[in-house]
Amino acid sequence: MAFLRFLTMVLLLKFSSIIISINPLYADEPLNILLITADDLGMQLGCYGDNAAKTPHLDKLAERSRLFENAYVAQASCSPSRSAMFTGLYPHTNGQYGLLNAGVGFQIHENLYDKTIPALLKEAGYTTGISGKLHVGPEKTFPFDERIRGDSRDVKVIAEKVGEFFKTSDGPFFFMANYSDPHVYGRSPRPPKEAFPTQYKGIPKSPLKIGEVSAFPFQKLDHPEEIERITQYYNACSRFDVGVGLLLDELQASGHADNTLVIFVSDHGPPFYRGKTTCYEAGVKVPMLLHWPGKFEKADRSPALVSTVDILPTILEAAGIQKDVQTQGRSLSTSLDPAQCRKTLATEFHYHGSSPYFPRRSIRDERYKLIHNLLANEKSARTGVDGDAAYELVINDPEQSTKMKQVYQRAANPPEYELYDLKADPWEFDNLIDNPDHQNVKARLLSSLKEWQQETDDPLLTREGIQTMSRFEKQ
């Protein structure tokens, strides 16, 4: 048995796309599982060192959880990101290349319909439920026993409804609680108070005011309009935090708190320029907390490179499910052992809506990050997201420095490759791709990226594949 465990560990280290067979860890009853997601929440949490954030409930959860300092989504767009959580596969493998509502048929491949988290858990005897948006297609193939619909910004009502699910579930349960905050309100409005309401049904009770929040470090834009928008965004983050607190109170009241695995993660970073819809850190790096009874129950911080493709194998292990499942992730339990942790981690991008099609691949190691913009010099990326006017505010302001304008223009029209030193430059302002002192780093990361693409059968490894995927783009 010891030899088999050793062999399994070796295989996990060697391959990023594997077939896993998971043995149960718990001789008694399976753990319940609660997966909590935020919509567009970046690193704006107190437990992640953000002093402006008012997030006491998530900070409290962190006190009995493993906090991952380097957690990443597969793609910084809602549907593709969530598809990776559900399948344990990157969007280029599972088929959800862009938003479900893009109008061009983005959805997971048919062979995966019975291999999503709810399908696998339901087969194993779990009662399954979800609140808020699923946003991965085809939605009818996800076998949730209960679908709690309604206003997912109304955190009090959602907590009450989910609390009933906790109390009445027969046997082990899986519930996915999806909140709308801090996503923009409505269809990408520009006025800050319309994009992010100061309060929603009285929450938060004490919202932040202008002057209490600074510019985002990944934007460095101290403009009145942007500061107001950021302030309102933080209030939406606080509202989400209140919702998490109410939800965990319901879990406690149901008597299931001691035997429930709790995972909290965001689907990607903030809806601000150089964040959401990019491969920059502000888009793909997210908060992730894991409370695992018997394993992660005290405050603990891990520097391991982890991904949302790791959520499915983690849940299967916790549930003790013995089934062969293809995944490109690995259980987060491996983060206990530095020898088993990844040396590199990749992210990607294809589409958000149906345009523009601007595919990217990125890979990082402990210190450096390489981004490959596959259609550089042929097309442009987005200059805005969800009504954020940061690009215009910088480019049209004669007072802005040349360097700031170059950084913002690079995000819109990037070169084929970008290379950043995340230790010296954590928010990626200085592109080192042509720096003679970093050519060995470039070559090493480029080799690792190609290896990852080959191991995961990335269709965009070839020019033909890049063009084939462009068929979804609407001009």
Protein backbone atom coordinates (compact mmCIF):
# COMPACT_ATOMS: atom_id res chain seq x y z
CA MET A 1 0.00 0.00 0.00
CA ALA A 2 2.84 2.41 0.85
CA PHE A 3 4.45 1.70 -2.52
CA LEU A 4 1.17 2.41 -4.33
CA ARG A 5 0.81 5.73 -2.53
CA PHE A 6 4.37 6.65 -3.50
CA LEU A 7 3.72 5.70 -7.12
CA THR A 8 0.55 7.79 -7.17
CA MET A 9 2.48 10.80 -5.85
CA VAL A 10 5.11 10.44 -8.58
CA LEU A 11 2.45 10.31 -11.29
CA LEU A 12 0.72 13.38 -9.88
CA LEU A 13 3.96 15.31 -10.10
CA LYS A 14 4.70 14.23 -13.65
CA PHE A 15 1.37 14.72 -15.40
CA SER A 16 -1.06 17.64 -15.36
CA SER A 17 -3.85 15.64 -17.01
CA ILE A 18 -4.45 12.38 -15.20
CA ILE A 19 -6.99 9.74 -14.38
CA ILE A 20 -7.62 9.68 -10.65
CA SER A 21 -9.04 6.98 -8.43
CA ILE A 22 -9.69 8.31 -4.97
CA ASN A 23 -9.89 6.24 -1.81
CA PRO A 24 -12.15 7.34 1.05
CA LEU A 25 -10.42 9.02 3.96
CA TYR A 26 -13.34 8.84 6.32
CA ALA A 27 -14.56 5.50 7.62
CA ASP A 28 -17.77 7.05 8.94
CA GLU A 29 -20.27 9.09 6.96
CA PRO A 30 -19.12 11.31 4.08
CA LEU A 31 -18.58 15.00 4.66
CA ASN A 32 -21.16 17.51 3.55
CA ILE A 33 -19.75 20.03 1.09
CA LEU A 34 -20.45 23.76 0.85
CA LEU A 35 -18.89 25.64 -2.07
CA ILE A 36 -19.23 29.43 -1.83
CA THR A 37 -18.41 31.67 -4.78
CA ALA A 38 -18.19 35.42 -5.15
CA ASP A 39 -18.76 37.09 -8.51
CA ASP A 40 -15.78 39.29 -9.50
CA LEU A 41 -14.04 39.45 -6.12
CA GLY A 42 -10.29 39.91 -6.18
CA MET A 43 -7.88 40.05 -3.25
CA GLN A 44 -9.94 42.72 -1.48
CA LEU A 45 -10.21 40.90 1.86
CA GLY A 46 -8.83 41.72 5.26
CA CYS A 47 -7.37 38.24 5.67
CA TYR A 48 -5.36 38.86 2.48
CA GLY A 49 -3.88 42.06 3.88
CA ASP A 50 -6.23 44.64 2.38
CA ASN A 51 -6.68 47.22 5.14
CA ALA A 52 -9.54 49.00 3.35
CA ALA A 53 -11.71 45.87 3.15
CA LYS A 54 -14.43 45.29 5.72
CA THR A 55 -14.75 41.51 5.60
CA PRO A 56 -14.95 40.24 9.21
CA HIS A 57 -16.88 37.06 8.38
CA LEU A 58 -14.46 35.81 5.75
CA ASP A 59 -11.59 36.84 8.00
CA LYS A 60 -13.15 34.67 10.72
CA LEU A 61 -13.50 31.77 8.30
CA ALA A 62 -9.81 32.17 7.49
CA GLU A 63 -9.04 31.63 11.18
CA ARG A 64 -10.19 28.01 10.83
CA SER A 65 -9.11 27.37 7.26
CA ARG A 66 -6.14 26.95 4.99
CA LEU A 67 -5.68 30.26 3.15
CA PHE A 68 -4.05 29.89 -0.26
CA GLU A 69 -1.79 32.81 -1.06
CA ASN A 70 -1.39 31.85 -4.72
CA ALA A 71 -4.76 30.60 -5.96
CA TYR A 72 -5.74 31.10 -9.61
CA VAL A 73 -8.79 30.69 -11.78
CA ALA A 74 -8.47 28.89 -15.11
CA GLN A 75 -9.85 31.87 -17.05
CA ALA A 76 -10.87 35.34 -15.86
CA SER A 77 -14.40 35.21 -17.25
CA CYS A 78 -17.41 33.90 -15.38
CA SER A 79 -18.69 30.89 -17.37
CA PRO A 80 -15.27 29.51 -18.37
CA SER A 81 -14.02 29.94 -14.81
CA ARG A 82 -16.98 28.11 -13.30
CA SER A 83 -16.75 25.36 -15.92
CA ALA A 84 -13.23 24.60 -14.67
CA MET A 85 -14.52 24.31 -11.11
CA PHE A 86 -17.29 21.93 -12.15
CA THR A 87 -15.17 19.69 -14.39
CA GLY A 88 -11.60 19.90 -13.08
CA LEU A 89 -10.60 20.74 -16.67
CA TYR A 90 -9.41 23.93 -18.31
CA PRO A 91 -11.92 25.64 -20.62
CA HIS A 92 -9.85 24.72 -23.68
CA THR A 93 -10.50 21.09 -22.72
CA ASN A 94 -14.07 21.27 -21.40
CA GLY A 95 -15.48 23.46 -24.20
CA GLN A 96 -16.86 26.45 -22.24
CA TYR A 97 -14.65 28.97 -24.05
CA GLY A 98 -16.73 32.06 -23.21
CA LEU A 99 -19.89 33.27 -21.51
CA LEU A 100 -22.94 31.02 -21.63
CA ASN A 101 -25.11 33.96 -22.69
CA ALA A 102 -22.76 35.09 -25.48
CA GLY A 103 -25.21 33.76 -28.06
CA VAL A 104 -22.73 31.53 -29.88
CA GLY A 105 -23.20 28.16 -28.20
CA PHE A 106 -20.42 28.05 -25.62
CA GLN A 107 -20.96 24.99 -23.38
CA ILE A 108 -19.13 21.99 -21.99
CA HIS A 109 -18.65 18.93 -24.19
CA GLU A 110 -21.29 16.21 -24.12
CA ASN A 111 -18.92 13.57 -22.73
CA LEU A 112 -18.64 15.67 -19.54
CA TYR A 113 -22.35 15.91 -18.73
CA ASP A 114 -22.13 13.09 -16.16
CA LYS A 115 -18.69 14.11 -14.88
CA THR A 116 -19.41 17.44 -13.19
CA ILE A 117 -19.31 17.89 -9.41
CA PRO A 118 -23.11 17.66 -8.89
CA ALA A 119 -23.42 14.66 -11.22
CA LEU A 120 -20.63 12.72 -9.52
CA LEU A 121 -21.87 13.54 -6.03
CA LYS A 122 -25.50 12.79 -6.83
CA GLU A 123 -24.43 9.39 -8.17
CA ALA A 124 -22.66 8.82 -4.85
CA GLY A 125 -25.84 9.50 -2.87
CA TYR A 126 -25.51 13.21 -2.15
CA THR A 127 -28.42 15.64 -2.15
CA THR A 128 -27.37 18.55 -4.36
CA GLY A 129 -28.43 22.18 -4.37
CA ILE A 130 -27.46 25.53 -5.81
CA SER A 131 -28.38 29.19 -5.34
CA GLY A 132 -27.59 32.03 -7.72
CA LYS A 133 -26.22 31.58 -11.18
CA LEU A 134 -24.93 28.34 -12.58
CA HIS A 135 -23.86 30.00 -15.85
CA VAL A 136 -22.32 26.88 -17.42
CA GLY A 137 -24.10 25.04 -20.19
CA PRO A 138 -26.11 23.11 -20.92
CA GLU A 139 -27.69 24.01 -17.57
CA LYS A 140 -30.27 21.21 -17.78
CA THR A 141 -27.47 18.62 -17.63
CA PHE A 142 -26.49 19.67 -14.09
CA PRO A 143 -28.54 17.42 -11.78
CA PHE A 144 -29.26 19.70 -8.84
CA ASP A 145 -32.05 18.42 -6.61
CA GLU A 146 -32.88 21.95 -5.52
CA ARG A 147 -32.35 25.21 -7.37
CA ILE A 148 -32.88 28.26 -5.17
CA ARG A 149 -33.66 31.15 -7.46
CA GLY A 150 -34.18 34.78 -6.66
CA ASP A 151 -32.15 37.87 -5.91
CA SER A 152 -28.69 36.68 -4.90
CA ARG A 153 -27.83 40.18 -3.65
CA ASP A 154 -30.56 39.83 -1.04
CA VAL A 155 -28.22 38.00 1.31
CA LYS A 156 -30.71 37.66 4.18
CA VAL A 157 -33.32 35.86 2.10
CA ILE A 158 -30.71 33.64 0.43
CA ALA A 159 -29.34 32.59 3.82
CA GLU A 160 -32.82 31.67 5.05
CA LYS A 161 -33.60 29.58 1.98
CA VAL A 162 -30.27 27.78 1.99
CA GLY A 163 -30.65 27.22 5.73
CA GLU A 164 -33.81 25.25 5.01
CA PHE A 165 -31.85 23.12 2.57
CA PHE A 166 -29.25 22.41 5.26
CA LYS A 167 -31.90 21.39 7.77
CA THR A 168 -34.01 19.20 5.50
CA SER A 169 -31.36 17.42 3.42
CA ASP A 170 -31.50 13.65 3.74
CA GLY A 171 -28.01 12.20 3.94
CA PRO A 172 -24.82 14.01 2.86
CA PHE A 173 -25.31 17.19 0.83
CA PHE A 174 -23.47 19.34 -1.65
CA PHE A 175 -24.54 22.96 -1.93
CA MET A 176 -23.07 25.65 -4.16
CA ALA A 177 -23.90 29.17 -2.96
CA ASN A 178 -23.29 31.76 -5.69
CA TYR A 179 -23.61 35.45 -4.90
CA SER A 180 -23.99 38.34 -7.35
CA ASP A 181 -21.77 40.71 -5.41
CA PRO A 182 -19.41 42.31 -6.14
CA HIS A 183 -20.37 42.06 -9.84
CA VAL A 184 -21.68 45.28 -11.39
CA TYR A 185 -25.41 45.86 -11.11
CA GLY A 186 -27.25 45.89 -14.44
CA ARG A 187 -25.68 46.08 -17.88
CA SER A 188 -22.24 47.59 -17.39
CA PRO A 189 -23.26 51.05 -16.16
CA ARG A 190 -20.55 53.67 -15.88
CA PRO A 191 -21.82 55.83 -12.98
CA PRO A 192 -20.25 54.26 -9.87
CA LYS A 193 -23.40 54.30 -7.72
CA GLU A 194 -25.34 52.55 -10.46
CA ALA A 195 -22.60 50.01 -11.05
CA PHE A 196 -22.24 49.17 -7.35
CA PRO A 197 -25.08 50.35 -5.07
CA THR A 198 -23.81 51.83 -1.81
CA GLN A 199 -26.30 49.69 0.08
CA TYR A 200 -28.73 46.99 -0.99
CA LYS A 201 -31.67 46.43 1.36
CA GLY A 202 -29.67 48.15 4.09
CA ILE A 203 -26.46 46.17 3.63
CA PRO A 204 -23.72 46.99 4.45
CA LYS A 205 -24.93 48.91 7.49
CA SER A 206 -21.88 51.20 7.55
CA PRO A 207 -20.68 51.64 3.96
CA LEU A 208 -17.31 53.10 3.13
CA LYS A 209 -17.18 56.71 2.02
CA ILE A 210 -15.05 58.54 -0.54
CA GLY A 211 -11.63 59.13 0.98
CA GLU A 212 -11.53 55.84 2.88
CA VAL A 213 -10.30 53.80 -0.09
CA SER A 214 -7.23 54.30 -2.28
CA ALA A 215 -6.54 53.44 -5.91
CA PHE A 216 -6.11 49.78 -6.78
CA PRO A 217 -2.41 48.84 -6.85
CA PHE A 218 -2.86 47.14 -10.22
CA GLN A 219 -4.22 50.38 -11.73
CA LYS A 220 -2.47 53.19 -9.80
CA LEU A 221 -5.19 55.55 -11.01
CA ASP A 222 -5.99 58.23 -8.45
CA HIS A 223 -8.83 59.84 -10.40
CA PRO A 224 -12.05 60.98 -8.65
CA GLU A 225 -14.33 58.89 -10.88
CA GLU A 226 -12.22 55.77 -10.44
CA ILE A 227 -11.84 56.27 -6.69
CA GLU A 228 -15.63 56.57 -6.34
CA ARG A 229 -16.12 53.40 -8.39
CA ILE A 230 -13.55 51.52 -6.29
CA THR A 231 -15.20 52.71 -3.07
CA GLN A 232 -18.58 51.45 -4.24
CA TYR A 233 -16.99 48.15 -5.25
CA TYR A 234 -15.62 47.70 -1.73
CA ASN A 235 -19.13 48.20 -0.36
CA ALA A 236 -20.32 45.38 -2.61
CA CYS A 237 -17.48 43.22 -1.24
CA SER A 238 -18.70 43.99 2.29
CA ARG A 239 -22.25 42.97 1.32
CA PHE A 240 -20.97 39.65 0.05
CA ASP A 241 -19.08 39.18 3.31
CA VAL A 242 -22.28 39.75 5.29
CA GLY A 243 -23.95 37.10 3.15
CA VAL A 244 -21.21 34.59 3.93
CA GLY A 245 -21.59 35.28 7.65
CA LEU A 246 -25.36 34.72 7.52
CA LEU A 247 -24.88 31.53 5.49
CA LEU A 248 -22.34 30.08 7.92
CA ASP A 249 -24.66 30.95 10.81
CA GLU A 250 -27.37 28.87 9.11
CA LEU A 251 -24.92 26.00 8.66
CA GLN A 252 -24.10 26.16 12.38
CA ALA A 253 -27.78 26.26 13.33
CA SER A 254 -28.48 23.20 11.20
CA GLY A 255 -26.00 21.13 13.23
CA HIS A 256 -23.80 20.39 10.21
CA ALA A 257 -20.91 22.81 10.78
CA ASP A 258 -18.61 20.17 12.25
CA ASN A 259 -18.96 17.74 9.33
CA THR A 260 -19.01 20.10 6.36
CA LEU A 261 -16.16 20.87 4.02
CA VAL A 262 -16.32 24.60 3.22
CA ILE A 263 -14.60 26.02 0.15
CA PHE A 264 -14.69 29.73 -0.61
CA VAL A 265 -13.36 31.09 -3.89
CA SER A 266 -14.05 33.86 -6.38
CA ASP A 267 -14.67 33.25 -10.07
CA HIS A 268 -12.03 35.87 -11.03
CA GLY A 269 -10.78 39.33 -10.19
CA PRO A 270 -12.47 42.76 -10.15
CA PRO A 271 -14.40 44.20 -13.13
CA PHE A 272 -11.77 46.89 -13.62
CA TYR A 273 -9.26 47.50 -16.39
CA ARG A 274 -6.22 45.20 -16.16
CA GLY A 275 -8.31 42.82 -14.04
CA LYS A 276 -11.24 40.73 -15.26
CA THR A 277 -10.90 39.28 -18.83
CA THR A 278 -7.08 39.35 -18.72
CA CYS A 279 -4.26 37.03 -17.71
CA TYR A 280 -2.82 39.68 -15.42
CA GLU A 281 -2.63 38.92 -11.70
CA ALA A 282 -5.59 41.17 -10.90
CA GLY A 283 -7.74 39.07 -13.20
CA VAL A 284 -6.65 35.50 -12.52
CA LYS A 285 -5.39 35.54 -8.92
CA VAL A 286 -8.20 35.04 -6.42
CA PRO A 287 -8.83 34.42 -2.74
CA MET A 288 -9.38 30.78 -1.75
CA LEU A 289 -10.13 29.40 1.71
CA LEU A 290 -10.58 25.74 2.61
CA HIS A 291 -12.04 24.50 5.91
CA TRP A 292 -11.72 20.72 5.93
CA PRO A 293 -12.75 18.90 9.13
CA GLY A 294 -9.92 16.68 10.26
CA LYS A 295 -7.42 18.31 7.92
CA PHE A 296 -7.62 22.13 7.67
CA GLU A 297 -9.30 23.45 10.83
CA LYS A 298 -6.94 26.16 12.06
CA ALA A 299 -5.50 29.33 10.57
CA ASP A 300 -2.89 28.27 8.08
CA ARG A 301 -1.36 29.95 5.02
CA SER A 302 0.01 28.09 2.04
CA PRO A 303 2.24 29.53 -0.72
CA ALA A 304 1.40 26.57 -3.00
CA LEU A 305 0.38 27.32 -6.58
CA VAL A 306 -3.22 26.10 -6.72
CA SER A 307 -6.02 26.39 -9.26
CA THR A 308 -9.79 26.16 -9.43
CA VAL A 309 -9.32 22.96 -11.50
CA ASP A 310 -8.27 21.53 -8.13
CA ILE A 311 -11.75 21.93 -6.64
CA LEU A 312 -13.30 18.83 -8.23
CA PRO A 313 -10.54 16.39 -7.15
CA THR A 314 -10.57 17.96 -3.67
CA ILE A 315 -14.30 17.40 -3.31
CA LEU A 316 -14.08 13.85 -4.58
CA GLU A 317 -11.36 13.04 -2.08
CA ALA A 318 -13.28 14.61 0.79
CA ALA A 319 -16.41 12.69 -0.22
CA GLY A 320 -14.48 9.43 -0.44
CA ILE A 321 -15.66 8.77 -3.97
CA GLN A 322 -13.93 5.90 -5.76
CA LYS A 323 -14.40 6.63 -9.44
CA ASP A 324 -12.08 7.17 -12.36
CA VAL A 325 -12.38 10.80 -13.40
CA GLN A 326 -10.23 12.72 -15.85
CA THR A 327 -8.94 15.92 -14.31
CA GLN A 328 -6.19 18.45 -14.92
CA GLY A 329 -6.18 19.36 -11.25
CA ARG A 330 -5.09 17.71 -8.03
CA SER A 331 -6.58 17.60 -4.57
CA LEU A 332 -5.75 20.59 -2.40
CA SER A 333 -4.72 18.11 0.28
CA THR A 334 -1.43 17.78 -1.63
CA SER A 335 -0.61 21.35 -0.58
CA LEU A 336 0.33 19.92 2.81
CA ASP A 337 3.51 18.56 1.27
CA PRO A 338 5.76 21.07 -0.54
CA ALA A 339 7.32 18.18 -2.46
CA GLN A 340 3.96 17.52 -4.12
CA CYS A 341 3.18 21.13 -5.03
CA ARG A 342 3.29 22.47 -8.58
CA LYS A 343 6.42 24.13 -9.85
CA THR A 344 4.44 26.11 -12.43
CA LEU A 345 0.79 27.03 -12.94
CA ALA A 346 -1.04 28.11 -16.11
CA THR A 347 -4.06 30.26 -16.92
CA GLU A 348 -5.74 31.10 -20.23
CA PHE A 349 -8.24 33.28 -22.06
CA HIS A 350 -10.37 32.88 -25.18
CA TYR A 351 -13.57 34.91 -25.12
CA HIS A 352 -15.67 36.86 -22.66
CA GLY A 353 -18.73 37.52 -24.78
CA SER A 354 -18.66 36.77 -28.48
CA SER A 355 -16.00 39.42 -29.15
CA PRO A 356 -13.23 40.23 -29.20
CA TYR A 357 -11.50 36.91 -29.66
CA PHE A 358 -8.12 37.56 -28.09
CA PRO A 359 -6.64 34.25 -26.92
CA ARG A 360 -3.88 34.20 -24.32
CA ARG A 361 -1.91 31.69 -22.35
CA SER A 362 0.13 32.40 -19.23
CA ILE A 363 2.36 30.45 -16.90
CA ARG A 364 4.10 31.38 -13.67
CA ASP A 365 6.58 29.79 -11.32
CA GLU A 366 7.56 30.82 -7.82
CA ARG A 367 8.74 34.24 -9.04
CA TYR A 368 8.24 34.94 -12.75
CA LYS A 369 5.28 34.98 -15.11
CA LEU A 370 5.09 34.70 -18.90
CA ILE A 371 2.05 35.72 -20.95
CA HIS A 372 1.66 34.62 -24.56
CA ASN A 373 -0.76 36.77 -26.58
CA LEU A 374 -1.54 34.49 -29.49
CA LEU A 375 -2.96 37.14 -31.84
CA ALA A 376 -0.69 40.03 -30.94
CA ASN A 377 -0.11 42.53 -33.77
CA GLU A 378 -3.26 41.20 -35.49
CA LYS A 379 -6.02 42.17 -33.08
CA SER A 380 -6.60 44.22 -29.94
CA ALA A 381 -7.85 43.23 -26.51
CA ARG A 382 -10.53 45.02 -24.54
CA THR A 383 -10.05 48.62 -23.44
CA GLY A 384 -12.76 48.39 -20.81
CA VAL A 385 -14.81 45.95 -18.83
CA ASP A 386 -18.26 46.35 -17.28
CA GLY A 387 -18.28 50.12 -17.64
CA ASP A 388 -14.88 50.86 -16.10
CA ALA A 389 -13.47 53.98 -17.75
CA ALA A 390 -9.89 53.65 -16.48
CA TYR A 391 -8.34 53.29 -19.94
CA GLU A 392 -9.99 56.49 -21.21
CA LEU A 393 -9.15 58.35 -18.00
CA VAL A 394 -5.45 57.55 -18.39
CA ILE A 395 -5.01 57.86 -22.15
CA ASN A 396 -6.95 61.15 -22.40
CA ASP A 397 -5.31 62.80 -19.40
CA PRO A 398 -2.30 64.95 -20.35
CA GLU A 399 -1.17 64.87 -16.71
CA GLN A 400 -0.64 61.10 -16.72
CA SER A 401 2.94 59.91 -17.06
CA THR A 402 4.27 58.33 -20.22
CA LYS A 403 4.89 55.10 -18.34
CA MET A 404 1.29 54.88 -17.13
CA LYS A 405 0.03 55.39 -20.66
CA GLN A 406 2.40 52.73 -21.95
CA VAL A 407 1.17 50.24 -19.34
CA TYR A 408 -2.48 50.87 -20.22
CA GLN A 409 -1.79 50.74 -23.95
CA ARG A 410 0.14 47.50 -23.52
CA ALA A 411 -2.91 45.90 -21.91
CA ALA A 412 -4.99 46.88 -24.94
CA ASN A 413 -2.39 46.06 -27.61
CA PRO A 414 0.12 43.74 -26.00
CA PRO A 415 3.20 42.29 -27.69
CA GLU A 416 3.31 38.57 -28.37
CA TYR A 417 5.09 37.89 -25.08
CA GLU A 418 5.13 39.61 -21.72
CA LEU A 419 7.43 38.66 -18.84
CA TYR A 420 7.10 39.92 -15.27
CA ASP A 421 9.04 39.54 -12.04
CA LEU A 422 6.18 39.02 -9.58
CA LYS A 423 8.48 39.49 -6.60
CA ALA A 424 9.76 42.92 -7.65
CA ASP A 425 6.70 43.92 -9.70
CA PRO A 426 3.62 42.06 -8.36
CA TRP A 427 1.12 43.99 -10.49
CA GLU A 428 3.01 43.67 -13.78
CA PHE A 429 4.03 47.17 -14.82
CA ASP A 430 7.51 46.41 -16.18
CA ASN A 431 7.67 44.01 -19.13
CA LEU A 432 11.06 42.25 -19.04
CA ILE A 433 10.62 40.25 -22.23
CA ASP A 434 13.49 42.01 -24.04
CA ASN A 435 15.71 42.38 -21.00
CA PRO A 436 18.96 40.52 -21.76
CA ASP A 437 19.29 39.45 -18.12
CA HIS A 438 16.01 37.51 -18.30
CA GLN A 439 16.31 35.54 -21.51
CA ASN A 440 16.97 32.29 -19.65
CA VAL A 441 13.80 32.86 -17.61
CA LYS A 442 11.84 33.51 -20.80
CA ALA A 443 13.13 30.32 -22.43
CA ARG A 444 12.43 28.23 -19.35
CA LEU A 445 8.86 29.47 -18.93
CA LEU A 446 8.13 29.23 -22.64
CA SER A 447 9.26 25.61 -22.56
CA SER A 448 7.05 24.92 -19.52
CA LEU A 449 4.08 26.59 -21.21
CA LYS A 450 4.46 24.48 -24.35
CA GLU A 451 4.78 21.34 -22.24
CA TRP A 452 1.55 22.20 -20.39
CA GLN A 453 -0.26 22.87 -23.66
CA GLN A 454 0.87 19.52 -25.04
CA GLU A 455 -0.10 17.62 -21.89
CA THR A 456 -3.57 19.16 -21.89
CA ASP A 457 -4.10 18.81 -25.67
CA ASP A 458 -4.51 22.54 -26.09
CA PRO A 459 -6.18 23.15 -29.47
CA LEU A 460 -4.43 26.53 -29.71
CA LEU A 461 -0.98 25.00 -29.99
CA THR A 462 -1.29 25.35 -33.76
CA ARG A 463 -2.19 28.22 -36.03
CA GLU A 464 -4.99 26.11 -37.46
CA GLY A 465 -6.42 25.60 -33.99
CA ILE A 466 -6.30 29.32 -33.25
CA GLN A 467 -8.21 30.06 -36.44
CA THR A 468 -10.73 27.28 -35.84
CA MET A 469 -11.71 28.70 -32.47
CA SER A 470 -12.16 32.13 -34.03
CA ARG A 471 -15.35 30.81 -35.68
CA PHE A 472 -17.32 31.85 -32.59
CA GLU A 473 -16.43 35.51 -32.90
CA LYS A 474 -19.15 37.94 -33.88
CA GLN A 475 -17.89 40.99 -35.71
